[in-house]
Amino acid sequence: MVGPLWARAKYSQLYPEILTDTEAEQLIQKVIATHPEAETEFQAMEKFIDEFYGLTFLIRARTFDDIIKNFIDEHTKASIVNIGCGLDTTFSRVDNNRITWYDLDLPKAIAYRKRFLPESDRNRYIAKSVFDYSWFDTINFKRENGLFCFAGGFFHYFPENIVADLFRAMADKFPGGELFFDMPSKLGIRMVKRRFQSYGIHGVNIHFGLGNPEKQVHKWSDRLHVLEWFPLFARIPREKRWKWRTRVMMRLNDWLNVSKFVHVQFTSKREQY
């Protein structure tokens, strides 16, 4: 929960032209005030989250912001669902004062989130697993208003069949809705596991990678229409002031499709593509 928050707070200060996340900066200070020992851990985190990985978190957040803002521009009263929200701060960056926003995570995660970020009438918390489909009934879904769900760094931690079941269930419940998420390939998973191991981090289960989304997601259901997909760094210009290694890693990621964004629309049976 804290790793991505720390990366956004640190790297948004260094690269505000990509993303400005004032709330993340304030939130880190609240976490340190609550857990003084965290400051030492954040210093150690700099070795694990170097410039490349820090920019990865920042660019992921910026891409989510851009896609969500585009959706909200066309659906001003939309319902937005942040799957596996942790200590995410996207709502404060994209809010148009008309949307209804739902932050969804496990009960312990939501309880911790509430210590630092209070709910509001338009920013509601759902303390459930995303695989407990009863959360569907909590969402104010009106097709004419639009529904947009997103998940950052989430689905690859679960077996493919369970994720596929979730997508099919969402298509049944929210026809016309959209889902945007990032996913590593099988190569990306091997790289992440190797990095965790090199830092002595064990017990992190990563289950499946996504190759060609159009082929793989469509196999799950013909009611899942891939609107687009693109490599993680494809829409952010490279900066010369970034380290040479960072720029090379980004180029390799996009060339090999190590990590990518996927945008899916749920279609009703009569709208199947």
Protein backbone atom coordinates (compact mmCIF):
# COMPACT_ATOMS: atom_id res chain seq x y z
CA MET A 1 0.00 0.00 0.00
CA VAL A 2 2.72 2.44 0.95
CA GLY A 3 5.24 1.69 -1.82
CA PRO A 4 3.27 3.21 -4.72
CA LEU A 5 2.21 6.11 -2.48
CA TRP A 6 5.83 6.85 -1.57
CA ALA A 7 6.91 6.65 -5.22
CA ARG A 8 4.22 9.10 -6.34
CA ALA A 9 5.05 11.51 -3.53
CA LYS A 10 8.79 11.46 -4.22
CA TYR A 11 8.79 11.39 -8.00
CA SER A 12 5.94 13.84 -8.50
CA GLN A 13 8.15 16.36 -6.74
CA LEU A 14 11.01 15.55 -9.11
CA TYR A 15 8.89 15.39 -12.26
CA PRO A 16 5.76 17.55 -11.74
CA GLU A 17 5.36 17.86 -15.52
CA ILE A 18 4.31 14.20 -15.53
CA LEU A 19 2.14 14.25 -12.42
CA THR A 20 1.47 16.53 -9.48
CA ASP A 21 0.27 14.56 -6.47
CA THR A 22 0.13 16.98 -3.57
CA GLU A 23 -2.18 14.71 -1.61
CA ALA A 24 0.33 11.85 -1.79
CA GLU A 25 3.06 14.15 -0.42
CA GLN A 26 0.80 15.17 2.47
CA LEU A 27 -0.24 11.58 3.09
CA ILE A 28 3.35 10.38 3.41
CA GLN A 29 3.92 12.93 6.15
CA LYS A 30 0.81 11.67 7.96
CA VAL A 31 2.07 8.09 7.72
CA ILE A 32 5.45 9.13 9.15
CA ALA A 33 3.74 11.03 11.98
CA THR A 34 1.73 7.92 12.82
CA HIS A 35 4.63 5.50 12.34
CA PRO A 36 7.94 7.32 13.02
CA GLU A 37 9.88 4.18 12.13
CA ALA A 38 8.52 4.45 8.58
CA GLU A 39 10.94 7.24 7.73
CA THR A 40 13.86 4.83 7.98
CA GLU A 41 12.00 2.30 5.88
CA PHE A 42 11.30 4.93 3.23
CA GLN A 43 15.02 5.66 3.03
CA ALA A 44 15.68 1.95 2.45
CA MET A 45 12.89 1.91 -0.15
CA GLU A 46 14.90 4.25 -2.38
CA LYS A 47 17.22 1.36 -3.25
CA PHE A 48 14.33 -0.85 -4.35
CA ILE A 49 12.31 1.87 -6.10
CA ASP A 50 15.00 3.53 -8.20
CA GLU A 51 14.38 6.10 -10.93
CA PHE A 52 13.04 3.58 -13.43
CA TYR A 53 10.58 1.99 -11.02
CA GLY A 54 9.67 5.34 -9.49
CA LEU A 55 8.83 6.73 -12.92
CA THR A 56 6.92 3.53 -13.65
CA PHE A 57 4.57 4.26 -10.72
CA LEU A 58 4.33 7.92 -11.72
CA ILE A 59 3.62 7.23 -15.39
CA ARG A 60 1.08 4.57 -14.49
CA ALA A 61 -0.79 7.09 -12.31
CA ARG A 62 -0.58 9.74 -15.05
CA THR A 63 -1.95 7.32 -17.64
CA PHE A 64 -4.84 6.35 -15.38
CA ASP A 65 -5.58 10.05 -14.83
CA ASP A 66 -5.63 10.76 -18.56
CA ILE A 67 -7.90 7.83 -19.43
CA ILE A 68 -10.30 8.57 -16.54
CA LYS A 69 -10.48 12.27 -17.40
CA ASN A 70 -11.29 11.40 -21.01
CA PHE A 71 -14.11 9.14 -19.82
CA ILE A 72 -15.45 11.73 -17.40
CA ASP A 73 -15.43 14.39 -20.12
CA GLU A 74 -18.01 12.27 -21.97
CA HIS A 75 -19.80 10.92 -18.87
CA THR A 76 -19.91 13.78 -16.39
CA LYS A 77 -22.05 11.87 -13.86
CA ALA A 78 -20.21 8.57 -14.13
CA SER A 79 -19.59 6.04 -11.38
CA ILE A 80 -15.88 5.22 -11.03
CA VAL A 81 -14.56 2.14 -9.20
CA ASN A 82 -10.95 1.99 -8.01
CA ILE A 83 -10.19 -1.73 -7.57
CA GLY A 84 -7.56 -2.50 -4.94
CA CYS A 85 -7.32 1.17 -3.98
CA GLY A 86 -4.85 0.91 -1.09
CA LEU A 87 -3.72 4.50 -0.39
CA ASP A 88 -4.37 5.70 -3.92
CA THR A 89 -5.13 9.41 -4.45
CA THR A 90 -6.52 9.45 -7.98
CA PHE A 91 -9.91 10.85 -6.96
CA SER A 92 -8.44 14.16 -5.79
CA ARG A 93 -6.66 14.63 -9.13
CA VAL A 94 -9.54 13.88 -11.51
CA ASP A 95 -12.73 14.84 -9.63
CA ASN A 96 -15.15 17.00 -11.63
CA ASN A 97 -17.47 17.57 -8.63
CA ARG A 98 -20.18 15.42 -10.23
CA ILE A 99 -18.92 11.84 -10.38
CA THR A 100 -19.50 9.18 -7.74
CA TRP A 101 -16.28 7.45 -6.77
CA TYR A 102 -15.89 4.06 -5.07
CA ASP A 103 -12.63 2.91 -3.48
CA LEU A 104 -12.68 -0.89 -3.17
CA ASP A 105 -10.26 -2.97 -1.10
CA LEU A 106 -10.10 -5.60 1.63
CA PRO A 107 -11.53 -4.64 5.06
CA LYS A 108 -8.11 -4.20 6.70
CA ALA A 109 -6.89 -2.02 3.85
CA ILE A 110 -10.00 0.16 3.97
CA ALA A 111 -9.72 0.47 7.77
CA TYR A 112 -6.14 1.69 7.37
CA ARG A 113 -7.11 4.04 4.55
CA LYS A 114 -9.80 5.63 6.73
CA ARG A 115 -7.14 6.65 9.25
CA PHE A 116 -5.73 9.10 6.70
CA LEU A 117 -8.37 9.69 4.02
CA PRO A 118 -12.01 10.15 5.09
CA GLU A 119 -14.99 9.17 2.98
CA SER A 120 -17.36 11.73 1.51
CA ASP A 121 -20.76 11.72 -0.16
CA ARG A 122 -19.16 11.22 -3.56
CA ASN A 123 -16.11 9.22 -2.49
CA ARG A 124 -17.35 6.05 -0.88
CA TYR A 125 -15.42 3.07 0.47
CA ILE A 126 -16.25 -0.60 -0.08
CA ALA A 127 -14.52 -2.95 2.35
CA LYS A 128 -14.71 -6.20 0.38
CA SER A 129 -12.68 -8.43 -1.87
CA VAL A 130 -13.21 -7.66 -5.55
CA PHE A 131 -13.98 -11.37 -5.92
CA ASP A 132 -16.92 -11.04 -3.51
CA TYR A 133 -19.41 -10.04 -6.18
CA SER A 134 -21.81 -8.57 -3.64
CA TRP A 135 -19.94 -5.27 -4.13
CA PHE A 136 -21.68 -5.01 -7.50
CA ASP A 137 -24.91 -4.10 -5.72
CA THR A 138 -23.20 -1.21 -3.90
CA ILE A 139 -22.50 0.63 -7.16
CA ASN A 140 -24.97 3.20 -8.42
CA PHE A 141 -24.99 1.88 -11.96
CA LYS A 142 -26.94 3.71 -14.62
CA ARG A 143 -25.79 2.84 -18.08
CA GLU A 144 -26.64 6.27 -19.42
CA ASN A 145 -24.31 7.86 -16.83
CA GLY A 146 -21.44 5.49 -17.50
CA LEU A 147 -19.33 3.16 -15.35
CA PHE A 148 -15.54 3.08 -15.38
CA CYS A 149 -13.45 0.66 -13.31
CA PHE A 150 -9.67 0.63 -13.05
CA ALA A 151 -7.01 -1.42 -11.30
CA GLY A 152 -3.32 -0.65 -10.95
CA GLY A 153 -0.78 -3.41 -10.32
CA PHE A 154 -3.50 -5.82 -9.27
CA PHE A 155 -4.78 -8.62 -11.49
CA HIS A 156 -1.48 -10.47 -12.01
CA TYR A 157 -1.50 -11.47 -8.32
CA PHE A 158 -4.42 -13.85 -8.97
CA PRO A 159 -4.93 -16.97 -11.10
CA GLU A 160 -6.15 -16.29 -14.62
CA ASN A 161 -9.36 -18.32 -14.26
CA ILE A 162 -10.43 -16.28 -11.21
CA VAL A 163 -9.76 -13.00 -13.02
CA ALA A 164 -11.62 -14.25 -16.10
CA ASP A 165 -14.63 -15.18 -13.93
CA LEU A 166 -14.62 -11.67 -12.46
CA PHE A 167 -14.53 -10.04 -15.90
CA ARG A 168 -17.44 -12.17 -17.09
CA ALA A 169 -19.48 -11.36 -13.99
CA MET A 170 -18.79 -7.64 -14.44
CA ALA A 171 -19.90 -7.85 -18.07
CA ASP A 172 -23.18 -9.42 -16.91
CA LYS A 173 -23.79 -6.78 -14.24
CA PHE A 174 -22.44 -3.66 -15.96
CA PRO A 175 -23.14 -3.84 -19.73
CA GLY A 176 -21.62 -0.83 -21.43
CA GLY A 177 -19.17 -0.28 -18.57
CA GLU A 178 -15.42 -0.07 -19.07
CA LEU A 179 -12.36 -1.46 -17.29
CA PHE A 180 -8.79 -0.15 -17.58
CA PHE A 181 -5.82 -1.93 -16.01
CA ASP A 182 -2.12 -2.64 -16.37
CA MET A 183 -0.63 -6.12 -16.75
CA PRO A 184 2.82 -7.65 -17.16
CA SER A 185 3.62 -10.33 -19.71
CA LYS A 186 5.10 -13.68 -18.70
CA LEU A 187 8.52 -12.13 -19.25
CA GLY A 188 7.52 -9.22 -17.02
CA ILE A 189 6.51 -11.62 -14.25
CA ARG A 190 9.87 -13.38 -14.40
CA MET A 191 11.63 -10.02 -14.16
CA VAL A 192 9.55 -8.90 -11.16
CA LYS A 193 10.10 -12.18 -9.32
CA ARG A 194 13.83 -11.98 -9.96
CA ARG A 195 13.93 -8.43 -8.60
CA PHE A 196 12.01 -9.39 -5.45
CA GLN A 197 14.37 -12.30 -4.86
CA SER A 198 17.46 -10.15 -5.33
CA TYR A 199 16.25 -7.91 -2.49
CA GLY A 200 15.35 -10.83 -0.25
CA ILE A 201 11.60 -10.28 -0.62
CA HIS A 202 9.73 -13.59 -0.46
CA GLY A 203 6.12 -14.70 -0.28
CA VAL A 204 4.87 -12.45 -3.12
CA ASN A 205 2.70 -14.62 -5.36
CA ILE A 206 2.37 -13.54 -8.98
CA HIS A 207 0.23 -15.91 -10.99
CA PHE A 208 -0.22 -15.00 -14.62
CA GLY A 209 0.90 -12.68 -17.37
CA LEU A 210 -1.00 -11.29 -20.30
CA GLY A 211 0.41 -11.70 -23.79
CA ASN A 212 -1.71 -10.32 -26.63
CA PRO A 213 -4.76 -8.90 -24.79
CA GLU A 214 -7.05 -8.98 -27.82
CA LYS A 215 -6.54 -12.73 -28.21
CA GLN A 216 -6.31 -13.71 -24.56
CA VAL A 217 -9.11 -11.59 -23.08
CA HIS A 218 -11.50 -12.43 -25.92
CA LYS A 219 -11.05 -16.13 -25.11
CA TRP A 220 -12.56 -15.45 -21.70
CA SER A 221 -15.80 -14.14 -23.19
CA ASP A 222 -17.05 -12.65 -26.44
CA ARG A 223 -18.66 -9.96 -24.28
CA LEU A 224 -15.25 -8.53 -23.42
CA HIS A 225 -14.22 -6.10 -26.14
CA VAL A 226 -10.66 -4.77 -26.03
CA LEU A 227 -10.97 -1.12 -27.03
CA GLU A 228 -7.21 -0.60 -27.04
CA TRP A 229 -3.98 -1.70 -25.45
CA PHE A 230 -0.54 -0.13 -25.48
CA PRO A 231 2.88 -0.51 -23.81
CA LEU A 232 3.39 1.11 -20.43
CA PHE A 233 5.59 4.01 -21.54
CA ALA A 234 4.17 4.50 -25.04
CA ARG A 235 2.42 7.81 -24.38
CA ILE A 236 5.05 9.59 -22.30
CA PRO A 237 7.96 11.31 -24.10
CA ARG A 238 11.41 10.36 -22.86
CA GLU A 239 13.33 13.08 -21.03
CA LYS A 240 17.08 13.50 -21.59
CA ARG A 241 17.57 14.27 -17.90
CA TRP A 242 16.47 10.75 -17.01
CA LYS A 243 19.30 8.30 -16.51
CA TRP A 244 20.47 6.41 -19.59
CA ARG A 245 19.53 3.09 -17.95
CA THR A 246 16.01 4.36 -17.26
CA ARG A 247 15.44 5.31 -20.89
CA VAL A 248 16.87 2.02 -22.16
CA MET A 249 14.66 0.03 -19.77
CA MET A 250 11.60 1.94 -20.97
CA ARG A 251 12.49 1.31 -24.60
CA LEU A 252 12.99 -2.40 -23.97
CA ASN A 253 9.73 -2.62 -22.01
CA ASP A 254 7.74 -1.15 -24.87
CA TRP A 255 9.59 -3.11 -27.56
CA LEU A 256 9.06 -6.44 -25.78
CA ASN A 257 5.62 -5.53 -24.35
CA VAL A 258 6.87 -6.41 -20.87
CA SER A 259 4.07 -4.34 -19.28
CA LYS A 260 1.04 -2.84 -20.94
CA PHE A 261 -2.26 -1.07 -20.36
CA VAL A 262 -5.50 -2.72 -21.45
CA HIS A 263 -8.85 -1.00 -21.96
CA VAL A 264 -11.89 -3.30 -22.03
CA GLN A 265 -15.57 -2.57 -22.61
CA PHE A 266 -18.34 -4.85 -21.36
CA THR A 267 -20.93 -5.54 -24.05
CA SER A 268 -24.42 -6.97 -23.70
CA LYS A 269 -25.28 -10.16 -25.56
CA ARG A 270 -26.92 -8.30 -28.44
CA GLU A 271 -23.91 -6.01 -28.74
CA GLN A 272 -21.28 -8.73 -29.01
CA TYR A 273 -18.49 -7.88 -31.41
